[in-house]
Amino acid sequence: MDEKPDKETIKLIKSYLKFLGNHIAIEKSILFGSRARGDYFITSDIDLIVVSSDFKSMKFVDRILFMSRYWKSLMNLEVLGYTPEEFERKKNELGIVKQAVKEGIRIK
């Protein structure tokens, strides 16, 4: 296991977010899970939350499909999309968003 997020993973995520930002207005993004904690393996996926007001008109599953379409790396990506209102509400509830805020690394 590695001890911290590696620079290549952060670089890959920033590049992805820059490209994704051509299609939606990204207000916030958080890397979380093993890649943020630093206890990942080479085969570990990348867990990412993206917050955008542009998600208001999309169903939750459609947001995931939309964002996954732009991922071009061989590394697995688990990406979740929330509106700012959903994110603010969920960060105070038990669940993945609260955990991401606690342990995650803000990328944007």
PDB file of N, CA and C in Angstrom:
ATOM      1  N   MET A   1       0.835  -1.196   0.000  1.00  0.00           N
ATOM      2  CA  MET A   1       0.000   0.000   0.000  1.00  0.00           C
ATOM      3  C   MET A   1       0.869   1.246   0.000  1.00  0.00           C
ATOM      4  N   ASP A   2       0.390   2.266  -0.674  1.00  0.00           N
ATOM      5  CA  ASP A   2       1.076   3.544  -0.669  1.00  0.00           C
ATOM      6  C   ASP A   2       0.589   4.371   0.519  1.00  0.00           C
ATOM      7  N   GLU A   3       1.321   5.444   0.832  1.00  0.00           N
ATOM      8  CA  GLU A   3       1.023   6.208   2.029  1.00  0.00           C
ATOM      9  C   GLU A   3       0.269   7.509   1.781  1.00  0.00           C
ATOM     10  N   LYS A   4       0.227   7.999   0.589  1.00  0.00           N
ATOM     11  CA  LYS A   4      -0.469   9.254   0.304  1.00  0.00           C
ATOM     12  C   LYS A   4      -0.884   9.266  -1.158  1.00  0.00           C
ATOM     13  N   PRO A   5      -1.784  10.174  -1.514  1.00  0.00           N
ATOM     14  CA  PRO A   5      -2.158  10.239  -2.929  1.00  0.00           C
ATOM     15  C   PRO A   5      -0.933  10.566  -3.782  1.00  0.00           C
ATOM     16  N   ASP A   6      -0.771   9.837  -4.844  1.00  0.00           N
ATOM     17  CA  ASP A   6       0.387  10.109  -5.693  1.00  0.00           C
ATOM     18  C   ASP A   6       0.085  11.265  -6.646  1.00  0.00           C
ATOM     19  N   LYS A   7       1.147  11.927  -7.058  1.00  0.00           N
ATOM     20  CA  LYS A   7       1.015  13.109  -7.916  1.00  0.00           C
ATOM     21  C   LYS A   7       0.372  12.774  -9.250  1.00  0.00           C
ATOM     22  N   GLU A   8       0.621  11.574  -9.755  1.00  0.00           N
ATOM     23  CA  GLU A   8       0.046  11.190 -11.048  1.00  0.00           C
ATOM     24  C   GLU A   8      -1.472  11.064 -10.969  1.00  0.00           C
ATOM     25  N   THR A   9      -1.975  10.540  -9.857  1.00  0.00           N
ATOM     26  CA  THR A   9      -3.425  10.426  -9.692  1.00  0.00           C
ATOM     27  C   THR A   9      -4.060  11.808  -9.639  1.00  0.00           C
ATOM     28  N   ILE A  10      -3.465  12.706  -8.868  1.00  0.00           N
ATOM     29  CA  ILE A  10      -3.983  14.076  -8.770  1.00  0.00           C
ATOM     30  C   ILE A  10      -3.934  14.753 -10.141  1.00  0.00           C
ATOM     31  N   LYS A  11      -2.843  14.563 -10.855  1.00  0.00           N
ATOM     32  CA  LYS A  11      -2.696  15.148 -12.197  1.00  0.00           C
ATOM     33  C   LYS A  11      -3.773  14.603 -13.138  1.00  0.00           C
ATOM     34  N   LEU A  12      -4.021  13.301 -13.073  1.00  0.00           N
ATOM     35  CA  LEU A  12      -5.035  12.659 -13.907  1.00  0.00           C
ATOM     36  C   LEU A  12      -6.424  13.219 -13.604  1.00  0.00           C
ATOM     37  N   ILE A  13      -6.729  13.375 -12.326  1.00  0.00           N
ATOM     38  CA  ILE A  13      -8.034  13.912 -11.930  1.00  0.00           C
ATOM     39  C   ILE A  13      -8.184  15.362 -12.372  1.00  0.00           C
ATOM     40  N   LYS A  14      -7.154  16.161 -12.204  1.00  0.00           N
ATOM     41  CA  LYS A  14      -7.221  17.561 -12.631  1.00  0.00           C
ATOM     42  C   LYS A  14      -7.436  17.666 -14.134  1.00  0.00           C
ATOM     43  N   SER A  15      -6.775  16.818 -14.886  1.00  0.00           N
ATOM     44  CA  SER A  15      -6.948  16.814 -16.341  1.00  0.00           C
ATOM     45  C   SER A  15      -8.384  16.426 -16.704  1.00  0.00           C
ATOM     46  N   TYR A  16      -8.901  15.411 -16.038  1.00  0.00           N
ATOM     47  CA  TYR A  16     -10.282  14.978 -16.265  1.00  0.00           C
ATOM     48  C   TYR A  16     -11.264  16.110 -15.939  1.00  0.00           C
ATOM     49  N   LEU A  17     -11.062  16.760 -14.799  1.00  0.00           N
ATOM     50  CA  LEU A  17     -11.963  17.835 -14.389  1.00  0.00           C
ATOM     51  C   LEU A  17     -11.896  19.024 -15.343  1.00  0.00           C
ATOM     52  N   LYS A  18     -10.724  19.292 -15.865  1.00  0.00           N
ATOM     53  CA  LYS A  18     -10.589  20.374 -16.844  1.00  0.00           C
ATOM     54  C   LYS A  18     -11.407  20.052 -18.094  1.00  0.00           C
ATOM     55  N   PHE A  19     -11.312  18.818 -18.562  1.00  0.00           N
ATOM     56  CA  PHE A  19     -12.076  18.404 -19.731  1.00  0.00           C
ATOM     57  C   PHE A  19     -13.575  18.395 -19.424  1.00  0.00           C
ATOM     58  N   LEU A  20     -13.947  17.827 -18.271  1.00  0.00           N
ATOM     59  CA  LEU A  20     -15.352  17.788 -17.864  1.00  0.00           C
ATOM     60  C   LEU A  20     -15.910  19.195 -17.716  1.00  0.00           C
ATOM     61  N   GLY A  21     -15.070  20.112 -17.267  1.00  0.00           N
ATOM     62  CA  GLY A  21     -15.468  21.502 -17.099  1.00  0.00           C
ATOM     63  C   GLY A  21     -15.837  22.196 -18.395  1.00  0.00           C
ATOM     64  N   ASN A  22     -15.484  21.607 -19.516  1.00  0.00           N
ATOM     65  CA  ASN A  22     -15.920  22.137 -20.814  1.00  0.00           C
ATOM     66  C   ASN A  22     -17.386  21.808 -21.087  1.00  0.00           C
ATOM     67  N   HIS A  23     -17.951  20.889 -20.282  1.00  0.00           N
ATOM     68  CA  HIS A  23     -19.309  20.412 -20.515  1.00  0.00           C
ATOM     69  C   HIS A  23     -20.276  20.785 -19.393  1.00  0.00           C
ATOM     70  N   ILE A  24     -19.762  20.972 -18.195  1.00  0.00           N
ATOM     71  CA  ILE A  24     -20.574  21.406 -17.055  1.00  0.00           C
ATOM     72  C   ILE A  24     -19.749  22.383 -16.213  1.00  0.00           C
ATOM     73  N   ALA A  25     -20.440  23.207 -15.454  1.00  0.00           N
ATOM     74  CA  ALA A  25     -19.767  24.134 -14.538  1.00  0.00           C
ATOM     75  C   ALA A  25     -19.511  23.397 -13.217  1.00  0.00           C
ATOM     76  N   ILE A  26     -18.261  23.100 -12.943  1.00  0.00           N
ATOM     77  CA  ILE A  26     -17.900  22.374 -11.723  1.00  0.00           C
ATOM     78  C   ILE A  26     -17.662  23.384 -10.605  1.00  0.00           C
ATOM     79  N   GLU A  27     -18.401  23.234  -9.538  1.00  0.00           N
ATOM     80  CA  GLU A  27     -18.264  24.132  -8.398  1.00  0.00           C
ATOM     81  C   GLU A  27     -17.314  23.584  -7.345  1.00  0.00           C
ATOM     82  N   LYS A  28     -17.231  22.262  -7.280  1.00  0.00           N
ATOM     83  CA  LYS A  28     -16.394  21.633  -6.265  1.00  0.00           C
ATOM     84  C   LYS A  28     -16.156  20.186  -6.668  1.00  0.00           C
ATOM     85  N   SER A  29     -14.997  19.654  -6.311  1.00  0.00           N
ATOM     86  CA  SER A  29     -14.741  18.232  -6.506  1.00  0.00           C
ATOM     87  C   SER A  29     -13.870  17.737  -5.358  1.00  0.00           C
ATOM     88  N   ILE A  30     -14.145  16.516  -4.932  1.00  0.00           N
ATOM     89  CA  ILE A  30     -13.434  15.933  -3.796  1.00  0.00           C
ATOM     90  C   ILE A  30     -13.007  14.509  -4.143  1.00  0.00           C
ATOM     91  N   LEU A  31     -11.712  14.256  -4.019  1.00  0.00           N
ATOM     92  CA  LEU A  31     -11.172  12.903  -4.102  1.00  0.00           C
ATOM     93  C   LEU A  31     -11.330  12.293  -2.720  1.00  0.00           C
ATOM     94  N   PHE A  32     -11.888  11.083  -2.643  1.00  0.00           N
ATOM     95  CA  PHE A  32     -12.064  10.447  -1.348  1.00  0.00           C
ATOM     96  C   PHE A  32     -11.771   8.959  -1.459  1.00  0.00           C
ATOM     97  N   GLY A  33     -11.904   8.239  -0.379  1.00  0.00           N
ATOM     98  CA  GLY A  33     -11.633   6.811  -0.368  1.00  0.00           C
ATOM     99  C   GLY A  33     -10.151   6.533  -0.209  1.00  0.00           C
ATOM    100  N   SER A  34      -9.747   5.346  -0.605  1.00  0.00           N
ATOM    101  CA  SER A  34      -8.370   4.900  -0.383  1.00  0.00           C
ATOM    102  C   SER A  34      -7.342   5.786  -1.073  1.00  0.00           C
ATOM    103  N   ARG A  35      -7.691   6.327  -2.224  1.00  0.00           N
ATOM    104  CA  ARG A  35      -6.729   7.197  -2.938  1.00  0.00           C
ATOM    105  C   ARG A  35      -6.483   8.504  -2.182  1.00  0.00           C
ATOM    106  N   ALA A  36      -7.476   8.982  -1.438  1.00  0.00           N
ATOM    107  CA  ALA A  36      -7.300  10.198  -0.636  1.00  0.00           C
ATOM    108  C   ALA A  36      -6.599   9.881   0.688  1.00  0.00           C
ATOM    109  N   ARG A  37      -6.949   8.752   1.274  1.00  0.00           N
ATOM    110  CA  ARG A  37      -6.348   8.377   2.555  1.00  0.00           C
ATOM    111  C   ARG A  37      -4.894   7.949   2.397  1.00  0.00           C
ATOM    112  N   GLY A  38      -4.567   7.441   1.212  1.00  0.00           N
ATOM    113  CA  GLY A  38      -3.209   6.970   0.974  1.00  0.00           C
ATOM    114  C   GLY A  38      -3.016   5.493   1.256  1.00  0.00           C
ATOM    115  N   ASP A  39      -4.102   4.766   1.487  1.00  0.00           N
ATOM    116  CA  ASP A  39      -3.983   3.331   1.761  1.00  0.00           C
ATOM    117  C   ASP A  39      -4.484   2.491   0.568  1.00  0.00           C
ATOM    118  N   TYR A  40      -4.224   2.997  -0.617  1.00  0.00           N
ATOM    119  CA  TYR A  40      -4.688   2.337  -1.836  1.00  0.00           C
ATOM    120  C   TYR A  40      -3.655   1.341  -2.372  1.00  0.00           C
ATOM    121  N   PHE A  41      -4.135   0.462  -3.215  1.00  0.00           N
ATOM    122  CA  PHE A  41      -3.289  -0.457  -3.968  1.00  0.00           C
ATOM    123  C   PHE A  41      -3.247   0.035  -5.415  1.00  0.00           C
ATOM    124  N   ILE A  42      -2.362  -0.503  -6.189  1.00  0.00           N
ATOM    125  CA  ILE A  42      -2.253  -0.079  -7.596  1.00  0.00           C
ATOM    126  C   ILE A  42      -3.555  -0.350  -8.358  1.00  0.00           C
ATOM    127  N   THR A  43      -4.324  -1.336  -7.924  1.00  0.00           N
ATOM    128  CA  THR A  43      -5.584  -1.679  -8.588  1.00  0.00           C
ATOM    129  C   THR A  43      -6.792  -0.943  -8.016  1.00  0.00           C
ATOM    130  N   SER A  44      -6.582  -0.115  -6.994  1.00  0.00           N
ATOM    131  CA  SER A  44      -7.699   0.608  -6.377  1.00  0.00           C
ATOM    132  C   SER A  44      -8.309   1.607  -7.351  1.00  0.00           C
ATOM    133  N   ASP A  45      -9.614   1.787  -7.227  1.00  0.00           N
ATOM    134  CA  ASP A  45     -10.284   2.758  -8.092  1.00  0.00           C
ATOM    135  C   ASP A  45     -10.113   4.170  -7.543  1.00  0.00           C
ATOM    136  N   ILE A  46     -10.583   5.116  -8.301  1.00  0.00           N
ATOM    137  CA  ILE A  46     -10.576   6.522  -7.910  1.00  0.00           C
ATOM    138  C   ILE A  46     -12.010   6.891  -7.551  1.00  0.00           C
ATOM    139  N   ASP A  47     -12.199   7.380  -6.327  1.00  0.00           N
ATOM    140  CA  ASP A  47     -13.519   7.810  -5.865  1.00  0.00           C
ATOM    141  C   ASP A  47     -13.568   9.333  -5.910  1.00  0.00           C
ATOM    142  N   LEU A  48     -14.563   9.865  -6.591  1.00  0.00           N
ATOM    143  CA  LEU A  48     -14.615  11.304  -6.814  1.00  0.00           C
ATOM    144  C   LEU A  48     -16.050  11.809  -6.700  1.00  0.00           C
ATOM    145  N   ILE A  49     -16.210  12.940  -6.030  1.00  0.00           N
ATOM    146  CA  ILE A  49     -17.492  13.643  -5.998  1.00  0.00           C
ATOM    147  C   ILE A  49     -17.335  14.924  -6.801  1.00  0.00           C
ATOM    148  N   VAL A  50     -18.311  15.194  -7.645  1.00  0.00           N
ATOM    149  CA  VAL A  50     -18.339  16.428  -8.434  1.00  0.00           C
ATOM    150  C   VAL A  50     -19.640  17.158  -8.102  1.00  0.00           C
ATOM    151  N   VAL A  51     -19.522  18.440  -7.793  1.00  0.00           N
ATOM    152  CA  VAL A  51     -20.682  19.262  -7.454  1.00  0.00           C
ATOM    153  C   VAL A  51     -20.886  20.281  -8.569  1.00  0.00           C
ATOM    154  N   SER A  52     -22.114  20.306  -9.099  1.00  0.00           N
ATOM    155  CA  SER A  52     -22.433  21.230 -10.190  1.00  0.00           C
ATOM    156  C   SER A  52     -23.923  21.558 -10.189  1.00  0.00           C
ATOM    157  N   SER A  53     -24.235  22.810 -10.391  1.00  0.00           N
ATOM    158  CA  SER A  53     -25.639  23.230 -10.551  1.00  0.00           C
ATOM    159  C   SER A  53     -26.250  22.656 -11.819  1.00  0.00           C
ATOM    160  N   ASP A  54     -25.412  22.290 -12.770  1.00  0.00           N
ATOM    161  CA  ASP A  54     -25.900  21.719 -14.030  1.00  0.00           C
ATOM    162  C   ASP A  54     -26.557  20.352 -13.842  1.00  0.00           C
ATOM    163  N   PHE A  55     -26.384  19.751 -12.682  1.00  0.00           N
ATOM    164  CA  PHE A  55     -26.999  18.447 -12.415  1.00  0.00           C
ATOM    165  C   PHE A  55     -28.474  18.556 -12.039  1.00  0.00           C
ATOM    166  N   LYS A  56     -28.976  19.756 -11.833  1.00  0.00           N
ATOM    167  CA  LYS A  56     -30.356  19.935 -11.372  1.00  0.00           C
ATOM    168  C   LYS A  56     -31.381  19.276 -12.286  1.00  0.00           C
ATOM    169  N   SER A  57     -31.131  19.285 -13.568  1.00  0.00           N
ATOM    170  CA  SER A  57     -32.098  18.718 -14.516  1.00  0.00           C
ATOM    171  C   SER A  57     -31.812  17.255 -14.855  1.00  0.00           C
ATOM    172  N   MET A  58     -30.844  16.627 -14.171  1.00  0.00           N
ATOM    173  CA  MET A  58     -30.469  15.244 -14.482  1.00  0.00           C
ATOM    174  C   MET A  58     -30.816  14.309 -13.326  1.00  0.00           C
ATOM    175  N   LYS A  59     -31.258  13.115 -13.669  1.00  0.00           N
ATOM    176  CA  LYS A  59     -31.428  12.079 -12.654  1.00  0.00           C
ATOM    177  C   LYS A  59     -30.042  11.667 -12.157  1.00  0.00           C
ATOM    178  N   PHE A  60     -29.991  11.136 -10.939  1.00  0.00           N
ATOM    179  CA  PHE A  60     -28.714  10.789 -10.327  1.00  0.00           C
ATOM    180  C   PHE A  60     -27.903   9.825 -11.201  1.00  0.00           C
ATOM    181  N   VAL A  61     -28.525   8.777 -11.691  1.00  0.00           N
ATOM    182  CA  VAL A  61     -27.818   7.785 -12.507  1.00  0.00           C
ATOM    183  C   VAL A  61     -27.346   8.400 -13.831  1.00  0.00           C
ATOM    184  N   ASP A  62     -28.108   9.329 -14.379  1.00  0.00           N
ATOM    185  CA  ASP A  62     -27.711   9.989 -15.627  1.00  0.00           C
ATOM    186  C   ASP A  62     -26.468  10.862 -15.427  1.00  0.00           C
ATOM    187  N   ARG A  63     -26.330  11.425 -14.242  1.00  0.00           N
ATOM    188  CA  ARG A  63     -25.138  12.213 -13.922  1.00  0.00           C
ATOM    189  C   ARG A  63     -23.894  11.325 -13.967  1.00  0.00           C
ATOM    190  N   ILE A  64     -24.005  10.153 -13.379  1.00  0.00           N
ATOM    191  CA  ILE A  64     -22.879   9.214 -13.351  1.00  0.00           C
ATOM    192  C   ILE A  64     -22.509   8.792 -14.770  1.00  0.00           C
ATOM    193  N   LEU A  65     -23.502   8.438 -15.543  1.00  0.00           N
ATOM    194  CA  LEU A  65     -23.253   8.035 -16.934  1.00  0.00           C
ATOM    195  C   LEU A  65     -22.637   9.175 -17.737  1.00  0.00           C
ATOM    196  N   PHE A  66     -23.140  10.378 -17.546  1.00  0.00           N
ATOM    197  CA  PHE A  66     -22.630  11.558 -18.241  1.00  0.00           C
ATOM    198  C   PHE A  66     -21.154  11.776 -17.919  1.00  0.00           C
ATOM    199  N   MET A  67     -20.814  11.770 -16.636  1.00  0.00           N
ATOM    200  CA  MET A  67     -19.423  12.032 -16.242  1.00  0.00           C
ATOM    201  C   MET A  67     -18.493  10.882 -16.616  1.00  0.00           C
ATOM    202  N   SER A  68     -18.988   9.661 -16.553  1.00  0.00           N
ATOM    203  CA  SER A  68     -18.159   8.493 -16.901  1.00  0.00           C
ATOM    204  C   SER A  68     -17.782   8.489 -18.373  1.00  0.00           C
ATOM    205  N   ARG A  69     -18.628   9.057 -19.191  1.00  0.00           N
ATOM    206  CA  ARG A  69     -18.382   9.117 -20.628  1.00  0.00           C
ATOM    207  C   ARG A  69     -17.070   9.840 -20.962  1.00  0.00           C
ATOM    208  N   TYR A  70     -16.667  10.778 -20.115  1.00  0.00           N
ATOM    209  CA  TYR A  70     -15.479  11.586 -20.384  1.00  0.00           C
ATOM    210  C   TYR A  70     -14.205  11.057 -19.720  1.00  0.00           C
ATOM    211  N   TRP A  71     -14.308   9.968 -18.991  1.00  0.00           N
ATOM    212  CA  TRP A  71     -13.137   9.369 -18.333  1.00  0.00           C
ATOM    213  C   TRP A  71     -12.393   8.516 -19.351  1.00  0.00           C
ATOM    214  N   LYS A  72     -11.118   8.790 -19.571  1.00  0.00           N
ATOM    215  CA  LYS A  72     -10.365   8.105 -20.620  1.00  0.00           C
ATOM    216  C   LYS A  72      -9.218   7.237 -20.083  1.00  0.00           C
ATOM    217  N   SER A  73      -9.076   7.131 -18.786  1.00  0.00           N
ATOM    218  CA  SER A  73      -7.985   6.363 -18.195  1.00  0.00           C
ATOM    219  C   SER A  73      -8.377   4.893 -18.038  1.00  0.00           C
ATOM    220  N   LEU A  74      -7.374   4.031 -17.938  1.00  0.00           N
ATOM    221  CA  LEU A  74      -7.620   2.616 -17.663  1.00  0.00           C
ATOM    222  C   LEU A  74      -7.945   2.373 -16.190  1.00  0.00           C
ATOM    223  N   MET A  75      -7.604   3.331 -15.324  1.00  0.00           N
ATOM    224  CA  MET A  75      -7.950   3.215 -13.909  1.00  0.00           C
ATOM    225  C   MET A  75      -9.463   3.335 -13.766  1.00  0.00           C
ATOM    226  N   ASN A  76     -10.027   2.549 -12.862  1.00  0.00           N
ATOM    227  CA  ASN A  76     -11.471   2.621 -12.635  1.00  0.00           C
ATOM    228  C   ASN A  76     -11.831   3.897 -11.888  1.00  0.00           C
ATOM    229  N   LEU A  77     -12.925   4.518 -12.305  1.00  0.00           N
ATOM    230  CA  LEU A  77     -13.421   5.736 -11.679  1.00  0.00           C
ATOM    231  C   LEU A  77     -14.820   5.491 -11.146  1.00  0.00           C
ATOM    232  N   GLU A  78     -15.025   5.810  -9.874  1.00  0.00           N
ATOM    233  CA  GLU A  78     -16.349   5.816  -9.268  1.00  0.00           C
ATOM    234  C   GLU A  78     -16.661   7.282  -9.001  1.00  0.00           C
ATOM    235  N   VAL A  79     -17.506   7.873  -9.828  1.00  0.00           N
ATOM    236  CA  VAL A  79     -17.783   9.304  -9.727  1.00  0.00           C
ATOM    237  C   VAL A  79     -19.250   9.519  -9.366  1.00  0.00           C
ATOM    238  N   LEU A  80     -19.466  10.424  -8.424  1.00  0.00           N
ATOM    239  CA  LEU A  80     -20.812  10.756  -7.970  1.00  0.00           C
ATOM    240  C   LEU A  80     -21.042  12.243  -8.206  1.00  0.00           C
ATOM    241  N   GLY A  81     -22.216  12.592  -8.700  1.00  0.00           N
ATOM    242  CA  GLY A  81     -22.529  13.985  -8.982  1.00  0.00           C
ATOM    243  C   GLY A  81     -23.671  14.491  -8.136  1.00  0.00           C
ATOM    244  N   TYR A  82     -23.487  15.671  -7.559  1.00  0.00           N
ATOM    245  CA  TYR A  82     -24.503  16.299  -6.719  1.00  0.00           C
ATOM    246  C   TYR A  82     -24.671  17.755  -7.090  1.00  0.00           C
ATOM    247  N   THR A  83     -25.880  18.262  -6.884  1.00  0.00           N
ATOM    248  CA  THR A  83     -26.085  19.696  -6.982  1.00  0.00           C
ATOM    249  C   THR A  83     -25.515  20.315  -5.701  1.00  0.00           C
ATOM    250  N   PRO A  84     -25.256  21.610  -5.687  1.00  0.00           N
ATOM    251  CA  PRO A  84     -24.753  22.244  -4.455  1.00  0.00           C
ATOM    252  C   PRO A  84     -25.701  22.044  -3.260  1.00  0.00           C
ATOM    253  N   GLU A  85     -26.999  22.099  -3.521  1.00  0.00           N
ATOM    254  CA  GLU A  85     -27.983  21.922  -2.454  1.00  0.00           C
ATOM    255  C   GLU A  85     -27.949  20.499  -1.902  1.00  0.00           C
ATOM    256  N   GLU A  86     -27.862  19.513  -2.787  1.00  0.00           N
ATOM    257  CA  GLU A  86     -27.778  18.121  -2.350  1.00  0.00           C
ATOM    258  C   GLU A  86     -26.509  17.893  -1.540  1.00  0.00           C
ATOM    259  N   PHE A  87     -25.408  18.437  -2.035  1.00  0.00           N
ATOM    260  CA  PHE A  87     -24.124  18.268  -1.358  1.00  0.00           C
ATOM    261  C   PHE A  87     -24.168  18.864   0.050  1.00  0.00           C
ATOM    262  N   GLU A  88     -24.694  20.081   0.169  1.00  0.00           N
ATOM    263  CA  GLU A  88     -24.772  20.745   1.477  1.00  0.00           C
ATOM    264  C   GLU A  88     -25.628  19.939   2.456  1.00  0.00           C
ATOM    265  N   ARG A  89     -26.704  19.381   1.972  1.00  0.00           N
ATOM    266  CA  ARG A  89     -27.578  18.578   2.822  1.00  0.00           C
ATOM    267  C   ARG A  89     -26.909  17.257   3.217  1.00  0.00           C
ATOM    268  N   LYS A  90     -26.323  16.585   2.239  1.00  0.00           N
ATOM    269  CA  LYS A  90     -25.767  15.257   2.471  1.00  0.00           C
ATOM    270  C   LYS A  90     -24.478  15.266   3.284  1.00  0.00           C
ATOM    271  N   LYS A  91     -23.747  16.369   3.277  1.00  0.00           N
ATOM    272  CA  LYS A  91     -22.495  16.389   4.027  1.00  0.00           C
ATOM    273  C   LYS A  91     -22.727  16.368   5.534  1.00  0.00           C
ATOM    274  N   ASN A  92     -23.968  16.614   5.940  1.00  0.00           N
ATOM    275  CA  ASN A  92     -24.317  16.567   7.358  1.00  0.00           C
ATOM    276  C   ASN A  92     -25.077  15.302   7.734  1.00  0.00           C
ATOM    277  N   GLU A  93     -25.337  14.452   6.757  1.00  0.00           N
ATOM    278  CA  GLU A  93     -26.038  13.194   6.995  1.00  0.00           C
ATOM    279  C   GLU A  93     -25.036  12.048   7.040  1.00  0.00           C
ATOM    280  N   LEU A  94     -25.414  10.949   7.681  1.00  0.00           N
ATOM    281  CA  LEU A  94     -24.566   9.768   7.643  1.00  0.00           C
ATOM    282  C   LEU A  94     -24.487   9.270   6.210  1.00  0.00           C
ATOM    283  N   GLY A  95     -23.308   8.962   5.762  1.00  0.00           N
ATOM    284  CA  GLY A  95     -23.186   8.439   4.410  1.00  0.00           C
ATOM    285  C   GLY A  95     -21.872   8.819   3.751  1.00  0.00           C
ATOM    286  N   ILE A  96     -21.815   8.536   2.479  1.00  0.00           N
ATOM    287  CA  ILE A  96     -20.579   8.667   1.711  1.00  0.00           C
ATOM    288  C   ILE A  96     -20.122  10.122   1.576  1.00  0.00           C
ATOM    289  N   VAL A  97     -21.055  11.056   1.445  1.00  0.00           N
ATOM    290  CA  VAL A  97     -20.672  12.463   1.285  1.00  0.00           C
ATOM    291  C   VAL A  97     -20.041  12.989   2.572  1.00  0.00           C
ATOM    292  N   LYS A  98     -20.631  12.666   3.694  1.00  0.00           N
ATOM    293  CA  LYS A  98     -20.072  13.091   4.980  1.00  0.00           C
ATOM    294  C   LYS A  98     -18.663  12.534   5.156  1.00  0.00           C
ATOM    295  N   GLN A  99     -18.484  11.263   4.800  1.00  0.00           N
ATOM    296  CA  GLN A  99     -17.168  10.634   4.900  1.00  0.00           C
ATOM    297  C   GLN A  99     -16.174  11.287   3.938  1.00  0.00           C
ATOM    298  N   ALA A 100     -16.631  11.601   2.735  1.00  0.00           N
ATOM    299  CA  ALA A 100     -15.754  12.252   1.744  1.00  0.00           C
ATOM    300  C   ALA A 100     -15.292  13.617   2.235  1.00  0.00           C
ATOM    301  N   VAL A 101     -16.180  14.373   2.855  1.00  0.00           N
ATOM    302  CA  VAL A 101     -15.820  15.691   3.382  1.00  0.00           C
ATOM    303  C   VAL A 101     -14.794  15.530   4.502  1.00  0.00           C
ATOM    304  N   LYS A 102     -14.965  14.506   5.307  1.00  0.00           N
ATOM    305  CA  LYS A 102     -14.075  14.271   6.456  1.00  0.00           C
ATOM    306  C   LYS A 102     -12.675  13.841   6.018  1.00  0.00           C
ATOM    307  N   GLU A 103     -12.591  12.899   5.096  1.00  0.00           N
ATOM    308  CA  GLU A 103     -11.297  12.313   4.741  1.00  0.00           C
ATOM    309  C   GLU A 103     -10.761  12.744   3.385  1.00  0.00           C
ATOM    310  N   GLY A 104     -11.581  13.409   2.615  1.00  0.00           N
ATOM    311  CA  GLY A 104     -11.232  13.677   1.228  1.00  0.00           C
ATOM    312  C   GLY A 104     -10.279  14.842   1.016  1.00  0.00           C
ATOM    313  N   ILE A 105      -9.862  14.958  -0.228  1.00  0.00           N
ATOM    314  CA  ILE A 105      -8.971  16.029  -0.669  1.00  0.00           C
ATOM    315  C   ILE A 105      -9.721  16.844  -1.713  1.00  0.00           C
ATOM    316  N   ARG A 106      -9.884  18.117  -1.437  1.00  0.00           N
ATOM    317  CA  ARG A 106     -10.570  18.979  -2.404  1.00  0.00           C
ATOM    318  C   ARG A 106      -9.636  19.230  -3.586  1.00  0.00           C
ATOM    319  N   ILE A 107     -10.107  18.913  -4.770  1.00  0.00           N
ATOM    320  CA  ILE A 107      -9.311  19.085  -5.988  1.00  0.00           C
ATOM    321  C   ILE A 107      -9.653  20.417  -6.635  1.00  0.00           C
ATOM    322  N   LYS A 108     -10.924  20.759  -6.633  1.00  0.00           N
ATOM    323  CA  LYS A 108     -11.372  22.038  -7.219  1.00  0.00           C
ATOM    324  C   LYS A 108     -12.407  22.650  -6.316  1.00  0.00           C
TER     325      LYS A 108
END
